[in-house]
């Protein structure tokens, strides 16, 4: 059951240009699973089975800028390898920052996300 809390971040939605390719990328890179709602939208399932986000098919990806989505990793180097093996492009890092290490990547639709690890 989804826990909804007033003013808490609740859902992250990414615009993708090729829904099946985006699902395949995020499944290969991070093991994500999806709720399929048709050719225009898929919900992203969290590890507990609740929906935490979605992939919305659009004609073009969103422009660079705005909020930045970060994922956590227990093994940053393995995450870099998984992203590149799935077809993503590392665009920054890995690099150290005061909280650990992180890198930024783009998916097949050009969305830029980051992954960080505490060590």
PDB file of N, CA and C in Angstrom:
ATOM      1  N   UNK A   1       0.843  -1.182   0.000  1.00  0.00           N
ATOM      2  CA  UNK A   1       0.000   0.000   0.000  1.00  0.00           C
ATOM      3  C   UNK A   1       0.886   1.242   0.000  1.00  0.00           C
ATOM      4  N   UNK A   2       0.641   2.143  -0.888  1.00  0.00           N
ATOM      5  CA  UNK A   2       1.408   3.375  -0.989  1.00  0.00           C
ATOM      6  C   UNK A   2       1.132   4.260   0.212  1.00  0.00           C
ATOM      7  N   UNK A   3       2.200   4.801   0.782  1.00  0.00           N
ATOM      8  CA  UNK A   3       2.073   5.720   1.901  1.00  0.00           C
ATOM      9  C   UNK A   3       2.112   7.137   1.355  1.00  0.00           C
ATOM     10  N   UNK A   4       1.006   7.820   1.392  1.00  0.00           N
ATOM     11  CA  UNK A   4       0.942   9.200   0.933  1.00  0.00           C
ATOM     12  C   UNK A   4       1.058  10.124   2.132  1.00  0.00           C
ATOM     13  N   UNK A   5       1.953  11.082   2.025  1.00  0.00           N
ATOM     14  CA  UNK A   5       2.189  12.032   3.108  1.00  0.00           C
ATOM     15  C   UNK A   5       2.149  13.437   2.528  1.00  0.00           C
ATOM     16  N   UNK A   6       1.453  14.345   3.200  1.00  0.00           N
ATOM     17  CA  UNK A   6       1.295  15.719   2.750  1.00  0.00           C
ATOM     18  C   UNK A   6       2.648  16.356   2.429  1.00  0.00           C
ATOM     19  N   UNK A   7       2.799  16.841   1.207  1.00  0.00           N
ATOM     20  CA  UNK A   7       3.956  17.572   0.703  1.00  0.00           C
ATOM     21  C   UNK A   7       5.227  16.735   0.591  1.00  0.00           C
ATOM     22  N   UNK A   8       5.128  15.429   0.725  1.00  0.00           N
ATOM     23  CA  UNK A   8       6.284  14.547   0.534  1.00  0.00           C
ATOM     24  C   UNK A   8       6.401  14.222  -0.957  1.00  0.00           C
ATOM     25  N   UNK A   9       7.633  14.112  -1.469  1.00  0.00           N
ATOM     26  CA  UNK A   9       7.791  13.654  -2.844  1.00  0.00           C
ATOM     27  C   UNK A   9       7.093  12.316  -2.976  1.00  0.00           C
ATOM     28  N   UNK A  10       6.315  12.162  -4.031  1.00  0.00           N
ATOM     29  CA  UNK A  10       5.441  11.007  -4.134  1.00  0.00           C
ATOM     30  C   UNK A  10       5.666  10.188  -5.379  1.00  0.00           C
ATOM     31  N   UNK A  11       6.112  10.798  -6.473  1.00  0.00           N
ATOM     32  CA  UNK A  11       6.131  10.104  -7.753  1.00  0.00           C
ATOM     33  C   UNK A  11       7.093  10.847  -8.677  1.00  0.00           C
ATOM     34  N   UNK A  12       7.870  10.132  -9.457  1.00  0.00           N
ATOM     35  CA  UNK A  12       8.780  10.723 -10.431  1.00  0.00           C
ATOM     36  C   UNK A  12       8.395  10.194 -11.805  1.00  0.00           C
ATOM     37  N   UNK A  13       8.203  11.091 -12.748  1.00  0.00           N
ATOM     38  CA  UNK A  13       7.804  10.680 -14.086  1.00  0.00           C
ATOM     39  C   UNK A  13       8.844  11.149 -15.100  1.00  0.00           C
ATOM     40  N   UNK A  14       9.284  10.226 -15.960  1.00  0.00           N
ATOM     41  CA  UNK A  14      10.249  10.530 -17.004  1.00  0.00           C
ATOM     42  C   UNK A  14       9.559  10.463 -18.358  1.00  0.00           C
ATOM     43  N   UNK A  15       9.810  11.447 -19.210  1.00  0.00           N
ATOM     44  CA  UNK A  15       9.308  11.411 -20.569  1.00  0.00           C
ATOM     45  C   UNK A  15      10.333  10.681 -21.426  1.00  0.00           C
ATOM     46  N   UNK A  16       9.870   9.691 -22.178  1.00  0.00           N
ATOM     47  CA  UNK A  16      10.751   8.894 -23.027  1.00  0.00           C
ATOM     48  C   UNK A  16      10.192   8.876 -24.444  1.00  0.00           C
ATOM     49  N   UNK A  17      11.064   8.739 -25.416  1.00  0.00           N
ATOM     50  CA  UNK A  17      10.623   8.748 -26.808  1.00  0.00           C
ATOM     51  C   UNK A  17      10.279   7.360 -27.324  1.00  0.00           C
ATOM     52  N   UNK A  18      10.768   6.309 -26.672  1.00  0.00           N
ATOM     53  CA  UNK A  18      10.506   4.927 -27.074  1.00  0.00           C
ATOM     54  C   UNK A  18      10.233   4.133 -25.801  1.00  0.00           C
ATOM     55  N   UNK A  19       8.960   3.903 -25.509  1.00  0.00           N
ATOM     56  CA  UNK A  19       8.574   3.259 -24.246  1.00  0.00           C
ATOM     57  C   UNK A  19       9.161   1.853 -24.093  1.00  0.00           C
ATOM     58  N   UNK A  20       9.051   0.955 -25.082  1.00  0.00           N
ATOM     59  CA  UNK A  20       9.647  -0.381 -24.911  1.00  0.00           C
ATOM     60  C   UNK A  20      11.167  -0.334 -24.706  1.00  0.00           C
ATOM     61  N   UNK A  21      11.855   0.553 -25.425  1.00  0.00           N
ATOM     62  CA  UNK A  21      13.308   0.667 -25.261  1.00  0.00           C
ATOM     63  C   UNK A  21      13.660   1.204 -23.876  1.00  0.00           C
ATOM     64  N   UNK A  22      12.874   2.161 -23.377  1.00  0.00           N
ATOM     65  CA  UNK A  22      13.125   2.715 -22.043  1.00  0.00           C
ATOM     66  C   UNK A  22      12.903   1.651 -20.964  1.00  0.00           C
ATOM     67  N   UNK A  23      11.834   0.876 -21.105  1.00  0.00           N
ATOM     68  CA  UNK A  23      11.592  -0.214 -20.148  1.00  0.00           C
ATOM     69  C   UNK A  23      12.751  -1.202 -20.171  1.00  0.00           C
ATOM     70  N   UNK A  24      13.206  -1.577 -21.363  1.00  0.00           N
ATOM     71  CA  UNK A  24      14.319  -2.528 -21.480  1.00  0.00           C
ATOM     72  C   UNK A  24      15.591  -1.953 -20.859  1.00  0.00           C
ATOM     73  N   UNK A  25      15.857  -0.662 -21.084  1.00  0.00           N
ATOM     74  CA  UNK A  25      17.044  -0.024 -20.512  1.00  0.00           C
ATOM     75  C   UNK A  25      17.005  -0.052 -18.988  1.00  0.00           C
ATOM     76  N   UNK A  26      15.923   0.427 -18.389  1.00  0.00           N
ATOM     77  CA  UNK A  26      15.850   0.512 -16.933  1.00  0.00           C
ATOM     78  C   UNK A  26      15.766  -0.864 -16.276  1.00  0.00           C
ATOM     79  N   UNK A  27      15.204  -1.845 -16.964  1.00  0.00           N
ATOM     80  CA  UNK A  27      15.213  -3.215 -16.452  1.00  0.00           C
ATOM     81  C   UNK A  27      16.635  -3.761 -16.460  1.00  0.00           C
ATOM     82  N   UNK A  28      17.359  -3.570 -17.567  1.00  0.00           N
ATOM     83  CA  UNK A  28      18.727  -4.079 -17.670  1.00  0.00           C
ATOM     84  C   UNK A  28      19.683  -3.356 -16.728  1.00  0.00           C
ATOM     85  N   UNK A  29      19.548  -2.042 -16.613  1.00  0.00           N
ATOM     86  CA  UNK A  29      20.481  -1.257 -15.796  1.00  0.00           C
ATOM     87  C   UNK A  29      20.219  -1.389 -14.306  1.00  0.00           C
ATOM     88  N   UNK A  30      18.939  -1.403 -13.888  1.00  0.00           N
ATOM     89  CA  UNK A  30      18.611  -1.330 -12.468  1.00  0.00           C
ATOM     90  C   UNK A  30      17.646  -2.405 -11.972  1.00  0.00           C
ATOM     91  N   UNK A  31      17.170  -3.266 -12.864  1.00  0.00           N
ATOM     92  CA  UNK A  31      16.237  -4.314 -12.457  1.00  0.00           C
ATOM     93  C   UNK A  31      14.828  -3.823 -12.196  1.00  0.00           C
ATOM     94  N   UNK A  32      14.481  -2.650 -12.723  1.00  0.00           N
ATOM     95  CA  UNK A  32      13.150  -2.099 -12.495  1.00  0.00           C
ATOM     96  C   UNK A  32      12.088  -2.974 -13.141  1.00  0.00           C
ATOM     97  N   UNK A  33      10.912  -2.987 -12.533  1.00  0.00           N
ATOM     98  CA  UNK A  33       9.743  -3.660 -13.077  1.00  0.00           C
ATOM     99  C   UNK A  33       8.653  -2.612 -13.309  1.00  0.00           C
ATOM    100  N   UNK A  34       7.697  -2.943 -14.189  1.00  0.00           N
ATOM    101  CA  UNK A  34       6.723  -1.947 -14.623  1.00  0.00           C
ATOM    102  C   UNK A  34       5.299  -2.471 -14.579  1.00  0.00           C
ATOM    103  N   UNK A  35       4.362  -1.552 -14.363  1.00  0.00           N
ATOM    104  CA  UNK A  35       2.934  -1.780 -14.589  1.00  0.00           C
ATOM    105  C   UNK A  35       2.645  -1.189 -15.958  1.00  0.00           C
ATOM    106  N   UNK A  36       2.167  -2.001 -16.886  1.00  0.00           N
ATOM    107  CA  UNK A  36       1.923  -1.550 -18.255  1.00  0.00           C
ATOM    108  C   UNK A  36       0.486  -1.046 -18.389  1.00  0.00           C
ATOM    109  N   UNK A  37       0.360   0.209 -18.812  1.00  0.00           N
ATOM    110  CA  UNK A  37      -0.954   0.829 -18.982  1.00  0.00           C
ATOM    111  C   UNK A  37      -1.266   1.103 -20.442  1.00  0.00           C
ATOM    112  N   UNK A  38      -0.546   0.483 -21.346  1.00  0.00           N
ATOM    113  CA  UNK A  38      -0.764   0.701 -22.764  1.00  0.00           C
ATOM    114  C   UNK A  38       0.464   1.282 -23.428  1.00  0.00           C
ATOM    115  N   UNK A  39       0.346   1.688 -24.685  1.00  0.00           N
ATOM    116  CA  UNK A  39       1.515   2.130 -25.450  1.00  0.00           C
ATOM    117  C   UNK A  39       2.047   3.513 -25.060  1.00  0.00           C
ATOM    118  N   UNK A  40       1.328   4.235 -24.214  1.00  0.00           N
ATOM    119  CA  UNK A  40       1.733   5.599 -23.865  1.00  0.00           C
ATOM    120  C   UNK A  40       2.330   5.742 -22.467  1.00  0.00           C
ATOM    121  N   UNK A  41       2.150   4.712 -21.600  1.00  0.00           N
ATOM    122  CA  UNK A  41       2.555   4.899 -20.207  1.00  0.00           C
ATOM    123  C   UNK A  41       2.832   3.570 -19.506  1.00  0.00           C
ATOM    124  N   UNK A  42       3.880   3.563 -18.688  1.00  0.00           N
ATOM    125  CA  UNK A  42       4.174   2.436 -17.799  1.00  0.00           C
ATOM    126  C   UNK A  42       4.541   2.981 -16.434  1.00  0.00           C
ATOM    127  N   UNK A  43       3.981   2.390 -15.390  1.00  0.00           N
ATOM    128  CA  UNK A  43       4.318   2.772 -14.032  1.00  0.00           C
ATOM    129  C   UNK A  43       5.560   2.028 -13.570  1.00  0.00           C
ATOM    130  N   UNK A  44       6.410   2.690 -12.819  1.00  0.00           N
ATOM    131  CA  UNK A  44       7.624   2.085 -12.278  1.00  0.00           C
ATOM    132  C   UNK A  44       7.299   1.516 -10.903  1.00  0.00           C
ATOM    133  N   UNK A  45       7.536   0.227 -10.718  1.00  0.00           N
ATOM    134  CA  UNK A  45       7.277  -0.417  -9.432  1.00  0.00           C
ATOM    135  C   UNK A  45       8.501  -0.301  -8.526  1.00  0.00           C
ATOM    136  N   UNK A  46       8.278   0.060  -7.269  1.00  0.00           N
ATOM    137  CA  UNK A  46       9.334   0.075  -6.276  1.00  0.00           C
ATOM    138  C   UNK A  46       9.605  -1.340  -5.784  1.00  0.00           C
ATOM    139  N   UNK A  47      10.613  -1.487  -4.958  1.00  0.00           N
ATOM    140  CA  UNK A  47      10.987  -2.817  -4.470  1.00  0.00           C
ATOM    141  C   UNK A  47       9.886  -3.476  -3.645  1.00  0.00           C
ATOM    142  N   UNK A  48       8.971  -2.672  -3.097  1.00  0.00           N
ATOM    143  CA  UNK A  48       7.863  -3.222  -2.313  1.00  0.00           C
ATOM    144  C   UNK A  48       6.626  -3.482  -3.179  1.00  0.00           C
ATOM    145  N   UNK A  49       6.731  -3.232  -4.481  1.00  0.00           N
ATOM    146  CA  UNK A  49       5.616  -3.443  -5.397  1.00  0.00           C
ATOM    147  C   UNK A  49       4.751  -2.224  -5.619  1.00  0.00           C
ATOM    148  N   UNK A  50       4.887  -1.204  -4.763  1.00  0.00           N
ATOM    149  CA  UNK A  50       4.128   0.033  -4.945  1.00  0.00           C
ATOM    150  C   UNK A  50       4.697   0.815  -6.132  1.00  0.00           C
ATOM    151  N   UNK A  51       3.840   1.549  -6.786  1.00  0.00           N
ATOM    152  CA  UNK A  51       4.276   2.364  -7.907  1.00  0.00           C
ATOM    153  C   UNK A  51       4.921   3.642  -7.385  1.00  0.00           C
ATOM    154  N   UNK A  52       6.150   3.932  -7.852  1.00  0.00           N
ATOM    155  CA  UNK A  52       6.909   5.085  -7.377  1.00  0.00           C
ATOM    156  C   UNK A  52       7.159   6.119  -8.464  1.00  0.00           C
ATOM    157  N   UNK A  53       6.801   5.781  -9.700  1.00  0.00           N
ATOM    158  CA  UNK A  53       7.039   6.688 -10.802  1.00  0.00           C
ATOM    159  C   UNK A  53       6.481   6.124 -12.084  1.00  0.00           C
ATOM    160  N   UNK A  54       6.823   6.789 -13.177  1.00  0.00           N
ATOM    161  CA  UNK A  54       6.319   6.329 -14.451  1.00  0.00           C
ATOM    162  C   UNK A  54       7.170   6.768 -15.613  1.00  0.00           C
ATOM    163  N   UNK A  55       6.960   6.085 -16.732  1.00  0.00           N
ATOM    164  CA  UNK A  55       7.554   6.450 -18.008  1.00  0.00           C
ATOM    165  C   UNK A  55       6.414   6.864 -18.924  1.00  0.00           C
ATOM    166  N   UNK A  56       6.446   8.095 -19.383  1.00  0.00           N
ATOM    167  CA  UNK A  56       5.406   8.615 -20.276  1.00  0.00           C
ATOM    168  C   UNK A  56       6.000   8.804 -21.664  1.00  0.00           C
ATOM    169  N   UNK A  57       5.365   8.214 -22.667  1.00  0.00           N
ATOM    170  CA  UNK A  57       5.872   8.358 -24.030  1.00  0.00           C
ATOM    171  C   UNK A  57       5.541   9.747 -24.549  1.00  0.00           C
ATOM    172  N   UNK A  58       6.561  10.401 -25.090  1.00  0.00           N
ATOM    173  CA  UNK A  58       6.404  11.710 -25.697  1.00  0.00           C
ATOM    174  C   UNK A  58       7.142  11.741 -27.027  1.00  0.00           C
ATOM    175  N   UNK A  59       6.957  12.790 -27.780  1.00  0.00           N
ATOM    176  CA  UNK A  59       7.625  12.888 -29.072  1.00  0.00           C
ATOM    177  C   UNK A  59       9.078  13.314 -28.933  1.00  0.00           C
ATOM    178  N   UNK A  60       9.412  13.951 -27.825  1.00  0.00           N
ATOM    179  CA  UNK A  60      10.798  14.324 -27.562  1.00  0.00           C
ATOM    180  C   UNK A  60      11.021  14.330 -26.063  1.00  0.00           C
ATOM    181  N   UNK A  61      12.278  14.124 -25.674  1.00  0.00           N
ATOM    182  CA  UNK A  61      12.574  14.102 -24.237  1.00  0.00           C
ATOM    183  C   UNK A  61      12.501  15.518 -23.676  1.00  0.00           C
ATOM    184  N   UNK A  62      12.370  15.590 -22.375  1.00  0.00           N
ATOM    185  CA  UNK A  62      12.311  16.898 -21.716  1.00  0.00           C
ATOM    186  C   UNK A  62      13.650  17.603 -21.861  1.00  0.00           C
ATOM    187  N   UNK A  63      13.647  18.930 -21.886  1.00  0.00           N
ATOM    188  CA  UNK A  63      14.918  19.653 -21.994  1.00  0.00           C
ATOM    189  C   UNK A  63      15.770  19.475 -20.739  1.00  0.00           C
ATOM    190  N   UNK A  64      17.057  19.652 -20.916  1.00  0.00           N
ATOM    191  CA  UNK A  64      17.992  19.550 -19.794  1.00  0.00           C
ATOM    192  C   UNK A  64      17.692  20.675 -18.812  1.00  0.00           C
ATOM    193  N   UNK A  65      17.816  20.383 -17.534  1.00  0.00           N
ATOM    194  CA  UNK A  65      17.572  21.367 -16.495  1.00  0.00           C
ATOM    195  C   UNK A  65      16.389  20.952 -15.651  1.00  0.00           C
ATOM    196  N   UNK A  66      16.062  21.732 -14.674  1.00  0.00           N
ATOM    197  CA  UNK A  66      14.956  21.398 -13.783  1.00  0.00           C
ATOM    198  C   UNK A  66      15.407  20.422 -12.709  1.00  0.00           C
ATOM    199  N   UNK A  67      14.473  19.760 -12.064  1.00  0.00           N
ATOM    200  CA  UNK A  67      14.818  18.836 -10.986  1.00  0.00           C
ATOM    201  C   UNK A  67      15.728  17.707 -11.494  1.00  0.00           C
ATOM    202  N   UNK A  68      16.595  17.253 -10.619  1.00  0.00           N
ATOM    203  CA  UNK A  68      17.556  16.203 -10.968  1.00  0.00           C
ATOM    204  C   UNK A  68      17.254  14.965 -10.142  1.00  0.00           C
ATOM    205  N   UNK A  69      17.011  13.846 -10.800  1.00  0.00           N
ATOM    206  CA  UNK A  69      16.688  12.594 -10.127  1.00  0.00           C
ATOM    207  C   UNK A  69      17.978  11.859  -9.798  1.00  0.00           C
ATOM    208  N   UNK A  70      18.131  11.457  -8.535  1.00  0.00           N
ATOM    209  CA  UNK A  70      19.289  10.681  -8.085  1.00  0.00           C
ATOM    210  C   UNK A  70      18.827   9.336  -7.539  1.00  0.00           C
ATOM    211  N   UNK A  71      19.523   8.278  -7.920  1.00  0.00           N
ATOM    212  CA  UNK A  71      19.294   6.937  -7.398  1.00  0.00           C
ATOM    213  C   UNK A  71      20.445   6.601  -6.464  1.00  0.00           C
ATOM    214  N   UNK A  72      20.217   5.732  -5.492  1.00  0.00           N
ATOM    215  CA  UNK A  72      21.270   5.287  -4.588  1.00  0.00           C
ATOM    216  C   UNK A  72      21.787   3.932  -5.053  1.00  0.00           C
ATOM    217  N   UNK A  73      23.073   3.700  -4.885  1.00  0.00           N
ATOM    218  CA  UNK A  73      23.687   2.425  -5.247  1.00  0.00           C
ATOM    219  C   UNK A  73      24.559   1.920  -4.100  1.00  0.00           C
ATOM    220  N   UNK A  74      24.523   0.625  -3.880  1.00  0.00           N
ATOM    221  CA  UNK A  74      25.431   0.004  -2.909  1.00  0.00           C
ATOM    222  C   UNK A  74      26.778  -0.300  -3.542  1.00  0.00           C
ATOM    223  N   UNK A  75      26.874  -0.257  -4.883  1.00  0.00           N
ATOM    224  CA  UNK A  75      28.123  -0.511  -5.597  1.00  0.00           C
ATOM    225  C   UNK A  75      28.142   0.379  -6.835  1.00  0.00           C
ATOM    226  N   UNK A  76      28.741   1.544  -6.706  1.00  0.00           N
ATOM    227  CA  UNK A  76      28.699   2.548  -7.767  1.00  0.00           C
ATOM    228  C   UNK A  76      29.358   2.054  -9.050  1.00  0.00           C
ATOM    229  N   UNK A  77      30.500   1.385  -8.936  1.00  0.00           N
ATOM    230  CA  UNK A  77      31.191   0.918 -10.133  1.00  0.00           C
ATOM    231  C   UNK A  77      30.346  -0.107 -10.891  1.00  0.00           C
ATOM    232  N   UNK A  78      29.657  -0.984 -10.184  1.00  0.00           N
ATOM    233  CA  UNK A  78      28.761  -1.949 -10.833  1.00  0.00           C
ATOM    234  C   UNK A  78      27.595  -1.233 -11.502  1.00  0.00           C
ATOM    235  N   UNK A  79      27.111  -0.142 -10.901  1.00  0.00           N
ATOM    236  CA  UNK A  79      26.028   0.633 -11.509  1.00  0.00           C
ATOM    237  C   UNK A  79      26.492   1.316 -12.796  1.00  0.00           C
ATOM    238  N   UNK A  80      27.719   1.834 -12.802  1.00  0.00           N
ATOM    239  CA  UNK A  80      28.277   2.422 -14.029  1.00  0.00           C
ATOM    240  C   UNK A  80      28.299   1.366 -15.127  1.00  0.00           C
ATOM    241  N   UNK A  81      28.802   0.178 -14.788  1.00  0.00           N
ATOM    242  CA  UNK A  81      28.871  -0.910 -15.772  1.00  0.00           C
ATOM    243  C   UNK A  81      27.490  -1.299 -16.276  1.00  0.00           C
ATOM    244  N   UNK A  82      26.507  -1.368 -15.377  1.00  0.00           N
ATOM    245  CA  UNK A  82      25.147  -1.756 -15.771  1.00  0.00           C
ATOM    246  C   UNK A  82      24.513  -0.721 -16.691  1.00  0.00           C
ATOM    247  N   UNK A  83      24.715   0.552 -16.390  1.00  0.00           N
ATOM    248  CA  UNK A  83      24.159   1.623 -17.227  1.00  0.00           C
ATOM    249  C   UNK A  83      24.757   1.565 -18.628  1.00  0.00           C
ATOM    250  N   UNK A  84      26.065   1.435 -18.721  1.00  0.00           N
ATOM    251  CA  UNK A  84      26.689   1.421 -20.046  1.00  0.00           C
ATOM    252  C   UNK A  84      26.344   0.137 -20.811  1.00  0.00           C
ATOM    253  N   UNK A  85      26.281  -1.002 -20.112  1.00  0.00           N
ATOM    254  CA  UNK A  85      25.912  -2.260 -20.770  1.00  0.00           C
ATOM    255  C   UNK A  85      24.481  -2.208 -21.305  1.00  0.00           C
ATOM    256  N   UNK A  86      23.607  -1.458 -20.639  1.00  0.00           N
ATOM    257  CA  UNK A  86      22.212  -1.325 -21.071  1.00  0.00           C
ATOM    258  C   UNK A  86      22.040  -0.306 -22.201  1.00  0.00           C
ATOM    259  N   UNK A  87      23.111   0.416 -22.544  1.00  0.00           N
ATOM    260  CA  UNK A  87      23.034   1.380 -23.640  1.00  0.00           C
ATOM    261  C   UNK A  87      23.026   2.827 -23.221  1.00  0.00           C
ATOM    262  N   UNK A  88      23.107   3.102 -21.920  1.00  0.00           N
ATOM    263  CA  UNK A  88      23.157   4.478 -21.441  1.00  0.00           C
ATOM    264  C   UNK A  88      24.548   5.064 -21.610  1.00  0.00           C
ATOM    265  N   UNK A  89      24.655   6.372 -21.448  1.00  0.00           N
ATOM    266  CA  UNK A  89      25.939   7.062 -21.583  1.00  0.00           C
ATOM    267  C   UNK A  89      26.277   7.800 -20.307  1.00  0.00           C
ATOM    268  N   UNK A  90      27.446   7.519 -19.750  1.00  0.00           N
ATOM    269  CA  UNK A  90      27.922   8.264 -18.590  1.00  0.00           C
ATOM    270  C   UNK A  90      28.391   9.623 -19.092  1.00  0.00           C
ATOM    271  N   UNK A  91      27.829  10.695 -18.516  1.00  0.00           N
ATOM    272  CA  UNK A  91      28.152  12.044 -18.969  1.00  0.00           C
ATOM    273  C   UNK A  91      28.962  12.835 -17.945  1.00  0.00           C
ATOM    274  N   UNK A  92      29.117  12.296 -16.729  1.00  0.00           N
ATOM    275  CA  UNK A  92      29.904  12.975 -15.698  1.00  0.00           C
ATOM    276  C   UNK A  92      30.279  11.956 -14.632  1.00  0.00           C
ATOM    277  N   UNK A  93      31.564  11.862 -14.353  1.00  0.00           N
ATOM    278  CA  UNK A  93      32.030  11.004 -13.274  1.00  0.00           C
ATOM    279  C   UNK A  93      32.357   9.601 -13.713  1.00  0.00           C
ATOM    280  N   UNK A  94      32.476   8.744 -12.709  1.00  0.00           N
ATOM    281  CA  UNK A  94      32.238   8.954 -11.283  1.00  0.00           C
ATOM    282  C   UNK A  94      33.225   9.965 -10.670  1.00  0.00           C
ATOM    283  N   UNK A  95      32.729  10.682  -9.694  1.00  0.00           N
ATOM    284  CA  UNK A  95      33.541  11.667  -8.997  1.00  0.00           C
ATOM    285  C   UNK A  95      33.189  11.649  -7.514  1.00  0.00           C
ATOM    286  N   UNK A  96      34.123  12.148  -6.716  1.00  0.00           N
ATOM    287  CA  UNK A  96      33.897  12.225  -5.269  1.00  0.00           C
ATOM    288  C   UNK A  96      33.207  13.535  -4.929  1.00  0.00           C
ATOM    289  N   UNK A  97      32.370  13.493  -3.898  1.00  0.00           N
ATOM    290  CA  UNK A  97      31.750  14.688  -3.336  1.00  0.00           C
ATOM    291  C   UNK A  97      31.684  14.460  -1.829  1.00  0.00           C
ATOM    292  N   UNK A  98      31.350  15.459  -1.022  1.00  0.00           N
ATOM    293  CA  UNK A  98      31.423  15.295   0.433  1.00  0.00           C
ATOM    294  C   UNK A  98      30.628  14.110   1.003  1.00  0.00           C
ATOM    295  N   UNK A  99      29.598  13.633   0.319  1.00  0.00           N
ATOM    296  CA  UNK A  99      28.812  12.510   0.832  1.00  0.00           C
ATOM    297  C   UNK A  99      29.217  11.155   0.291  1.00  0.00           C
ATOM    298  N   UNK A 100      30.177  11.103  -0.634  1.00  0.00           N
ATOM    299  CA  UNK A 100      30.591   9.834  -1.213  1.00  0.00           C
ATOM    300  C   UNK A 100      31.055  10.009  -2.647  1.00  0.00           C
ATOM    301  N   UNK A 101      30.493   9.195  -3.553  1.00  0.00           N
ATOM    302  CA  UNK A 101      30.821   9.256  -4.984  1.00  0.00           C
ATOM    303  C   UNK A 101      29.526   9.218  -5.785  1.00  0.00           C
ATOM    304  N   UNK A 102      29.570   9.770  -7.004  1.00  0.00           N
ATOM    305  CA  UNK A 102      28.398   9.717  -7.871  1.00  0.00           C
ATOM    306  C   UNK A 102      28.796   9.858  -9.327  1.00  0.00           C
ATOM    307  N   UNK A 103      27.844   9.533 -10.198  1.00  0.00           N
ATOM    308  CA  UNK A 103      28.001   9.773 -11.627  1.00  0.00           C
ATOM    309  C   UNK A 103      26.650  10.164 -12.203  1.00  0.00           C
ATOM    310  N   UNK A 104      26.696  10.794 -13.379  1.00  0.00           N
ATOM    311  CA  UNK A 104      25.484  11.174 -14.100  1.00  0.00           C
ATOM    312  C   UNK A 104      25.470  10.399 -15.409  1.00  0.00           C
ATOM    313  N   UNK A 105      24.276  10.033 -15.866  1.00  0.00           N
ATOM    314  CA  UNK A 105      24.148   9.323 -17.125  1.00  0.00           C
ATOM    315  C   UNK A 105      22.922   9.816 -17.872  1.00  0.00           C
ATOM    316  N   UNK A 106      22.881   9.542 -19.169  1.00  0.00           N
ATOM    317  CA  UNK A 106      21.682   9.780 -19.955  1.00  0.00           C
ATOM    318  C   UNK A 106      21.129   8.444 -20.405  1.00  0.00           C
ATOM    319  N   UNK A 107      19.792   8.363 -20.415  1.00  0.00           N
ATOM    320  CA  UNK A 107      19.133   7.149 -20.911  1.00  0.00           C
ATOM    321  C   UNK A 107      18.965   7.268 -22.428  1.00  0.00           C
ATOM    322  N   UNK A 108      18.278   6.327 -23.016  1.00  0.00           N
ATOM    323  CA  UNK A 108      18.139   6.289 -24.472  1.00  0.00           C
ATOM    324  C   UNK A 108      17.311   7.438 -25.029  1.00  0.00           C
ATOM    325  N   UNK A 109      16.536   8.115 -24.184  1.00  0.00           N
ATOM    326  CA  UNK A 109      15.735   9.262 -24.621  1.00  0.00           C
ATOM    327  C   UNK A 109      16.399  10.593 -24.296  1.00  0.00           C
ATOM    328  N   UNK A 110      17.591  10.560 -23.694  1.00  0.00           N
ATOM    329  CA  UNK A 110      18.315  11.772 -23.360  1.00  0.00           C
ATOM    330  C   UNK A 110      18.048  12.322 -21.973  1.00  0.00           C
ATOM    331  N   UNK A 111      17.254  11.617 -21.146  1.00  0.00           N
ATOM    332  CA  UNK A 111      17.027  12.059 -19.764  1.00  0.00           C
ATOM    333  C   UNK A 111      18.315  11.872 -18.975  1.00  0.00           C
ATOM    334  N   UNK A 112      18.717  12.894 -18.222  1.00  0.00           N
ATOM    335  CA  UNK A 112      19.914  12.786 -17.392  1.00  0.00           C
ATOM    336  C   UNK A 112      19.507  12.508 -15.952  1.00  0.00           C
ATOM    337  N   UNK A 113      20.075  11.465 -15.383  1.00  0.00           N
ATOM    338  CA  UNK A 113      19.865  11.081 -13.989  1.00  0.00           C
ATOM    339  C   UNK A 113      21.228  10.870 -13.348  1.00  0.00           C
ATOM    340  N   UNK A 114      21.237  10.755 -12.040  1.00  0.00           N
ATOM    341  CA  UNK A 114      22.474  10.500 -11.321  1.00  0.00           C
ATOM    342  C   UNK A 114      22.335   9.283 -10.422  1.00  0.00           C
ATOM    343  N   UNK A 115      23.480   8.719 -10.083  1.00  0.00           N
ATOM    344  CA  UNK A 115      23.545   7.611  -9.134  1.00  0.00           C
ATOM    345  C   UNK A 115      24.650   7.941  -8.149  1.00  0.00           C
ATOM    346  N   UNK A 116      24.389   7.731  -6.852  1.00  0.00           N
ATOM    347  CA  UNK A 116      25.393   8.021  -5.842  1.00  0.00           C
ATOM    348  C   UNK A 116      25.551   6.853  -4.878  1.00  0.00           C
ATOM    349  N   UNK A 117      26.709   6.830  -4.240  1.00  0.00           N
ATOM    350  CA  UNK A 117      27.009   5.821  -3.214  1.00  0.00           C
ATOM    351  C   UNK A 117      27.740   6.523  -2.086  1.00  0.00           C
ATOM    352  N   UNK A 118      27.568   6.021  -0.885  1.00  0.00           N
ATOM    353  CA  UNK A 118      28.178   6.660   0.271  1.00  0.00           C
ATOM    354  C   UNK A 118      29.679   6.385   0.372  1.00  0.00           C
ATOM    355  N   UNK A 119      30.178   5.431  -0.389  1.00  0.00           N
ATOM    356  CA  UNK A 119      31.621   5.180  -0.380  1.00  0.00           C
ATOM    357  C   UNK A 119      32.119   4.834  -1.761  1.00  0.00           C
TER     358      UNK A 119
END
